[in-house]
């Protein structure tokens, strides 16, 4: 099985796409600020899931999933800040923030199952 077949990887790629679409609405002055930070954190989630899956040992996979979860929580924080400072219309954040929140639950559950 490839990392591409994993539910959590697919879901994280979708979050990345949602974040790229959202940040297109941000002011150009934020290109090197929160726009860049949000995009990098979103890419980091799926990248770490893929890298961890490619490792030889379960313990390493768990380590990379924890890193991905950290990036997901960074992303959550950055989206909250971007919304609070008004970088786009508030309703544009709803889908991204809901997806990130749901993904956090999935990641925690996955980590708990793998750590048993």
N, C-alpha and C. Protein backbone atom coordinates (compact mmCIF):
# COMPACT_ATOMS: atom_id res chain seq x y z
N UNK A 1 0.85 -1.19 0.00
CA UNK A 1 0.00 0.00 0.00
C UNK A 1 0.88 1.24 0.00
N UNK A 2 0.51 2.20 -0.78
CA UNK A 2 1.23 3.47 -0.89
C UNK A 2 0.62 4.50 0.07
N UNK A 3 1.43 5.50 0.41
CA UNK A 3 0.89 6.60 1.23
C UNK A 3 -0.27 7.28 0.54
N UNK A 4 -0.29 7.22 -0.78
CA UNK A 4 -1.37 7.86 -1.55
C UNK A 4 -2.73 7.20 -1.34
N UNK A 5 -2.71 5.99 -0.85
CA UNK A 5 -3.96 5.27 -0.59
C UNK A 5 -4.48 5.48 0.82
N UNK A 6 -3.70 6.14 1.65
CA UNK A 6 -4.08 6.38 3.03
C UNK A 6 -5.13 7.48 3.13
N UNK A 7 -6.15 7.22 3.93
CA UNK A 7 -7.21 8.19 4.15
C UNK A 7 -6.66 9.50 4.72
N UNK A 8 -5.80 9.40 5.73
CA UNK A 8 -5.31 10.64 6.37
C UNK A 8 -4.44 11.45 5.42
N UNK A 9 -3.72 10.80 4.54
CA UNK A 9 -2.90 11.54 3.56
C UNK A 9 -3.81 12.26 2.57
N UNK A 10 -4.81 11.54 2.06
CA UNK A 10 -5.75 12.14 1.10
C UNK A 10 -6.46 13.35 1.72
N UNK A 11 -6.87 13.17 2.95
CA UNK A 11 -7.59 14.24 3.65
C UNK A 11 -6.67 15.45 3.85
N UNK A 12 -5.42 15.20 4.17
CA UNK A 12 -4.48 16.31 4.39
C UNK A 12 -4.17 17.05 3.09
N UNK A 13 -4.14 16.35 1.98
CA UNK A 13 -3.93 17.01 0.69
C UNK A 13 -5.13 17.91 0.37
N UNK A 14 -6.32 17.45 0.69
CA UNK A 14 -7.52 18.27 0.47
C UNK A 14 -7.48 19.54 1.32
N UNK A 15 -7.02 19.42 2.54
CA UNK A 15 -6.87 20.60 3.40
C UNK A 15 -5.89 21.58 2.79
N UNK A 16 -4.83 21.06 2.24
CA UNK A 16 -3.83 21.91 1.59
C UNK A 16 -4.46 22.69 0.42
N UNK A 17 -5.23 22.00 -0.39
CA UNK A 17 -5.90 22.65 -1.53
C UNK A 17 -6.86 23.74 -1.02
N UNK A 18 -7.61 23.43 0.02
CA UNK A 18 -8.55 24.41 0.61
C UNK A 18 -7.78 25.64 1.10
N UNK A 19 -6.65 25.41 1.73
CA UNK A 19 -5.85 26.54 2.26
C UNK A 19 -5.27 27.39 1.14
N UNK A 20 -4.83 26.76 0.07
CA UNK A 20 -4.33 27.54 -1.07
C UNK A 20 -5.45 28.38 -1.67
N UNK A 21 -6.63 27.80 -1.79
CA UNK A 21 -7.77 28.55 -2.33
C UNK A 21 -8.14 29.71 -1.42
N UNK A 22 -8.12 29.47 -0.12
CA UNK A 22 -8.45 30.52 0.85
C UNK A 22 -7.45 31.66 0.77
N UNK A 23 -6.17 31.33 0.78
CA UNK A 23 -5.14 32.38 0.83
C UNK A 23 -5.05 33.19 -0.46
N UNK A 24 -5.67 32.74 -1.53
CA UNK A 24 -5.75 33.55 -2.75
C UNK A 24 -6.53 34.84 -2.50
N UNK A 25 -7.38 34.82 -1.47
CA UNK A 25 -8.20 35.99 -1.13
C UNK A 25 -7.48 36.96 -0.21
N UNK A 26 -6.33 36.57 0.31
CA UNK A 26 -5.58 37.44 1.23
C UNK A 26 -4.95 38.59 0.45
N UNK A 27 -4.69 39.71 1.12
CA UNK A 27 -4.03 40.83 0.45
C UNK A 27 -2.62 40.44 -0.01
N UNK A 28 -2.19 41.02 -1.08
CA UNK A 28 -0.84 40.74 -1.62
C UNK A 28 0.24 41.08 -0.59
N UNK A 29 -0.04 42.03 0.28
CA UNK A 29 0.94 42.42 1.30
C UNK A 29 1.22 41.29 2.29
N UNK A 30 0.37 40.28 2.32
CA UNK A 30 0.54 39.14 3.23
C UNK A 30 1.23 37.96 2.55
N UNK A 31 1.65 38.13 1.31
CA UNK A 31 2.24 37.01 0.56
C UNK A 31 3.39 36.36 1.33
N UNK A 32 4.22 37.16 1.97
CA UNK A 32 5.37 36.61 2.70
C UNK A 32 5.10 36.51 4.19
N UNK A 33 3.86 36.75 4.58
CA UNK A 33 3.46 36.66 5.98
C UNK A 33 2.60 35.42 6.19
N UNK A 34 1.37 35.64 6.61
CA UNK A 34 0.49 34.52 6.93
C UNK A 34 0.12 33.67 5.71
N UNK A 35 0.08 34.25 4.54
CA UNK A 35 -0.19 33.44 3.35
C UNK A 35 0.86 32.35 3.22
N UNK A 36 2.10 32.74 3.28
CA UNK A 36 3.21 31.78 3.18
C UNK A 36 3.19 30.79 4.33
N UNK A 37 2.97 31.28 5.55
CA UNK A 37 2.96 30.41 6.74
C UNK A 37 1.87 29.36 6.65
N UNK A 38 0.68 29.77 6.26
CA UNK A 38 -0.46 28.85 6.15
C UNK A 38 -0.19 27.80 5.08
N UNK A 39 0.31 28.22 3.95
CA UNK A 39 0.59 27.27 2.87
C UNK A 39 1.68 26.27 3.27
N UNK A 40 2.72 26.76 3.92
CA UNK A 40 3.81 25.88 4.33
C UNK A 40 3.36 24.87 5.39
N UNK A 41 2.56 25.32 6.34
CA UNK A 41 2.06 24.42 7.38
C UNK A 41 1.15 23.36 6.76
N UNK A 42 0.29 23.77 5.83
CA UNK A 42 -0.63 22.82 5.18
C UNK A 42 0.14 21.77 4.38
N UNK A 43 1.15 22.20 3.66
CA UNK A 43 1.98 21.27 2.88
C UNK A 43 2.74 20.34 3.82
N UNK A 44 3.18 20.85 4.94
CA UNK A 44 3.94 20.07 5.90
C UNK A 44 3.15 18.89 6.45
N UNK A 45 1.85 19.06 6.63
CA UNK A 45 1.02 17.99 7.18
C UNK A 45 1.08 16.76 6.27
N UNK A 46 0.71 16.94 5.02
CA UNK A 46 0.69 15.79 4.10
C UNK A 46 2.10 15.27 3.81
N UNK A 47 3.07 16.14 3.76
CA UNK A 47 4.45 15.72 3.51
C UNK A 47 4.97 14.83 4.63
N UNK A 48 4.68 15.19 5.87
CA UNK A 48 5.15 14.39 7.00
C UNK A 48 4.40 13.06 7.09
N UNK A 49 3.14 13.04 6.75
CA UNK A 49 2.41 11.78 6.72
C UNK A 49 3.05 10.85 5.68
N UNK A 50 3.34 11.39 4.50
CA UNK A 50 3.96 10.58 3.45
C UNK A 50 5.35 10.10 3.85
N UNK A 51 6.14 11.00 4.39
CA UNK A 51 7.50 10.62 4.78
C UNK A 51 7.49 9.55 5.87
N UNK A 52 6.64 9.73 6.85
CA UNK A 52 6.54 8.75 7.92
C UNK A 52 6.09 7.40 7.43
N UNK A 53 5.16 7.40 6.49
CA UNK A 53 4.66 6.14 5.96
C UNK A 53 5.76 5.37 5.22
N UNK A 54 6.68 6.12 4.66
CA UNK A 54 7.79 5.49 3.93
C UNK A 54 8.88 4.94 4.82
N UNK A 55 8.81 5.20 6.09
CA UNK A 55 9.82 4.71 7.02
C UNK A 55 9.61 3.22 7.28
N UNK A 56 10.65 2.58 7.74
CA UNK A 56 10.62 1.13 7.92
C UNK A 56 9.92 0.67 9.19
N UNK A 57 9.83 1.53 10.17
CA UNK A 57 9.35 1.09 11.48
C UNK A 57 8.15 1.91 11.94
N UNK A 58 7.25 1.22 12.63
CA UNK A 58 6.05 1.85 13.16
C UNK A 58 6.39 3.05 14.05
N UNK A 59 7.41 2.90 14.87
CA UNK A 59 7.82 3.97 15.79
C UNK A 59 8.18 5.24 15.02
N UNK A 60 8.85 5.09 13.89
CA UNK A 60 9.19 6.27 13.07
C UNK A 60 7.95 6.88 12.43
N UNK A 61 7.04 6.01 11.98
CA UNK A 61 5.80 6.50 11.40
C UNK A 61 5.03 7.33 12.43
N UNK A 62 4.94 6.82 13.65
CA UNK A 62 4.27 7.55 14.72
C UNK A 62 4.95 8.90 14.96
N UNK A 63 6.26 8.91 14.93
CA UNK A 63 7.01 10.16 15.13
C UNK A 63 6.64 11.20 14.07
N UNK A 64 6.57 10.77 12.82
CA UNK A 64 6.22 11.70 11.75
C UNK A 64 4.76 12.12 11.81
N UNK A 65 3.89 11.23 12.26
CA UNK A 65 2.49 11.62 12.44
C UNK A 65 2.37 12.69 13.52
N UNK A 66 3.19 12.58 14.55
CA UNK A 66 3.19 13.61 15.61
C UNK A 66 3.68 14.95 15.06
N UNK A 67 4.66 14.90 14.20
CA UNK A 67 5.15 16.13 13.56
C UNK A 67 4.04 16.72 12.69
N UNK A 68 3.35 15.86 11.95
CA UNK A 68 2.23 16.31 11.10
C UNK A 68 1.13 16.94 11.96
N UNK A 69 0.85 16.34 13.11
CA UNK A 69 -0.15 16.89 14.01
C UNK A 69 0.28 18.27 14.52
N UNK A 70 1.57 18.42 14.81
CA UNK A 70 2.09 19.73 15.22
C UNK A 70 1.88 20.77 14.13
N UNK A 71 2.15 20.39 12.89
CA UNK A 71 1.94 21.31 11.76
C UNK A 71 0.46 21.64 11.60
N UNK A 72 -0.39 20.66 11.84
CA UNK A 72 -1.83 20.87 11.75
C UNK A 72 -2.29 21.87 12.81
N UNK A 73 -1.72 21.78 13.98
CA UNK A 73 -2.07 22.72 15.06
C UNK A 73 -1.51 24.11 14.78
N UNK A 74 -0.35 24.17 14.16
CA UNK A 74 0.18 25.47 13.69
C UNK A 74 -0.80 26.09 12.70
N UNK A 75 -1.23 25.26 11.75
CA UNK A 75 -2.16 25.73 10.73
C UNK A 75 -3.45 26.25 11.36
N UNK A 76 -3.97 25.53 12.33
CA UNK A 76 -5.18 25.95 13.03
C UNK A 76 -4.97 27.34 13.65
N UNK A 77 -3.86 27.52 14.32
CA UNK A 77 -3.54 28.80 14.95
C UNK A 77 -3.42 29.92 13.92
N UNK A 78 -2.75 29.64 12.82
CA UNK A 78 -2.56 30.65 11.78
C UNK A 78 -3.89 31.05 11.14
N UNK A 79 -4.78 30.09 10.94
CA UNK A 79 -6.10 30.40 10.39
C UNK A 79 -6.91 31.27 11.35
N UNK A 80 -6.82 30.96 12.64
CA UNK A 80 -7.53 31.77 13.64
C UNK A 80 -7.01 33.20 13.61
N UNK A 81 -5.70 33.36 13.57
CA UNK A 81 -5.11 34.71 13.54
C UNK A 81 -5.52 35.44 12.27
N UNK A 82 -5.42 34.77 11.12
CA UNK A 82 -5.77 35.39 9.85
C UNK A 82 -7.23 35.86 9.84
N UNK A 83 -8.09 35.05 10.41
CA UNK A 83 -9.51 35.43 10.49
C UNK A 83 -9.69 36.62 11.41
N UNK A 84 -9.04 36.59 12.57
CA UNK A 84 -9.19 37.67 13.56
C UNK A 84 -8.67 39.01 13.05
N UNK A 85 -7.61 39.00 12.24
CA UNK A 85 -7.08 40.26 11.73
C UNK A 85 -7.74 40.67 10.42
N UNK A 86 -8.68 39.86 9.95
CA UNK A 86 -9.49 40.25 8.79
C UNK A 86 -8.79 40.15 7.44
N UNK A 87 -8.02 39.10 7.24
CA UNK A 87 -7.33 38.95 5.95
C UNK A 87 -8.25 38.52 4.81
N UNK A 88 -9.42 38.03 5.15
CA UNK A 88 -10.44 37.68 4.16
C UNK A 88 -11.79 37.71 4.86
N UNK A 89 -12.84 37.60 4.08
CA UNK A 89 -14.18 37.58 4.66
C UNK A 89 -14.31 36.39 5.62
N UNK A 90 -14.89 36.61 6.79
CA UNK A 90 -14.96 35.55 7.81
C UNK A 90 -15.54 34.22 7.31
N UNK A 91 -16.56 34.29 6.46
CA UNK A 91 -17.18 33.05 5.98
C UNK A 91 -16.26 32.19 5.11
N UNK A 92 -15.23 32.81 4.55
CA UNK A 92 -14.28 32.06 3.73
C UNK A 92 -13.42 31.11 4.57
N UNK A 93 -13.33 31.37 5.85
CA UNK A 93 -12.51 30.55 6.75
C UNK A 93 -13.24 29.29 7.25
N UNK A 94 -14.55 29.30 7.18
CA UNK A 94 -15.36 28.24 7.80
C UNK A 94 -14.94 26.84 7.35
N UNK A 95 -14.89 26.60 6.06
CA UNK A 95 -14.56 25.27 5.54
C UNK A 95 -13.16 24.83 5.97
N UNK A 96 -12.19 25.70 5.81
CA UNK A 96 -10.81 25.36 6.17
C UNK A 96 -10.70 25.04 7.66
N UNK A 97 -11.30 25.87 8.49
CA UNK A 97 -11.20 25.67 9.94
C UNK A 97 -11.92 24.40 10.38
N UNK A 98 -13.07 24.11 9.77
CA UNK A 98 -13.79 22.87 10.09
C UNK A 98 -12.98 21.65 9.68
N UNK A 99 -12.38 21.70 8.51
CA UNK A 99 -11.57 20.57 8.02
C UNK A 99 -10.35 20.34 8.91
N UNK A 100 -9.71 21.41 9.31
CA UNK A 100 -8.53 21.30 10.18
C UNK A 100 -8.93 20.71 11.53
N UNK A 101 -10.04 21.16 12.08
CA UNK A 101 -10.51 20.64 13.36
C UNK A 101 -10.83 19.15 13.27
N UNK A 102 -11.51 18.76 12.20
CA UNK A 102 -11.85 17.35 12.00
C UNK A 102 -10.58 16.51 11.81
N UNK A 103 -9.63 17.04 11.06
CA UNK A 103 -8.39 16.32 10.81
C UNK A 103 -7.59 16.13 12.10
N UNK A 104 -7.63 17.11 12.98
CA UNK A 104 -6.94 16.97 14.27
C UNK A 104 -7.51 15.78 15.04
N UNK A 105 -8.82 15.63 15.04
CA UNK A 105 -9.45 14.50 15.72
C UNK A 105 -9.03 13.18 15.10
N UNK A 106 -8.99 13.15 13.78
CA UNK A 106 -8.59 11.93 13.06
C UNK A 106 -7.14 11.58 13.38
N UNK A 107 -6.27 12.58 13.37
CA UNK A 107 -4.85 12.35 13.65
C UNK A 107 -4.64 11.84 15.07
N UNK A 108 -5.30 12.45 16.04
CA UNK A 108 -5.16 12.02 17.43
C UNK A 108 -5.64 10.58 17.57
N UNK A 109 -6.76 10.27 16.96
CA UNK A 109 -7.31 8.92 17.02
C UNK A 109 -6.35 7.91 16.37
N UNK A 110 -5.81 8.27 15.23
CA UNK A 110 -4.85 7.40 14.53
C UNK A 110 -3.62 7.17 15.39
N UNK A 111 -3.11 8.22 15.98
CA UNK A 111 -1.93 8.09 16.85
C UNK A 111 -2.22 7.20 18.06
N UNK A 112 -3.39 7.35 18.63
CA UNK A 112 -3.75 6.53 19.78
C UNK A 112 -3.81 5.05 19.38
N UNK A 113 -4.39 4.77 18.23
CA UNK A 113 -4.49 3.38 17.76
C UNK A 113 -3.11 2.78 17.48
N UNK A 114 -2.26 3.56 16.84
CA UNK A 114 -0.92 3.06 16.49
C UNK A 114 -0.02 2.91 17.70
N UNK A 115 -0.28 3.68 18.75
CA UNK A 115 0.57 3.66 19.92
C UNK A 115 0.21 2.55 20.92
N UNK A 116 -0.85 1.84 20.66
CA UNK A 116 -1.28 0.77 21.57
C UNK A 116 -0.39 -0.45 21.45
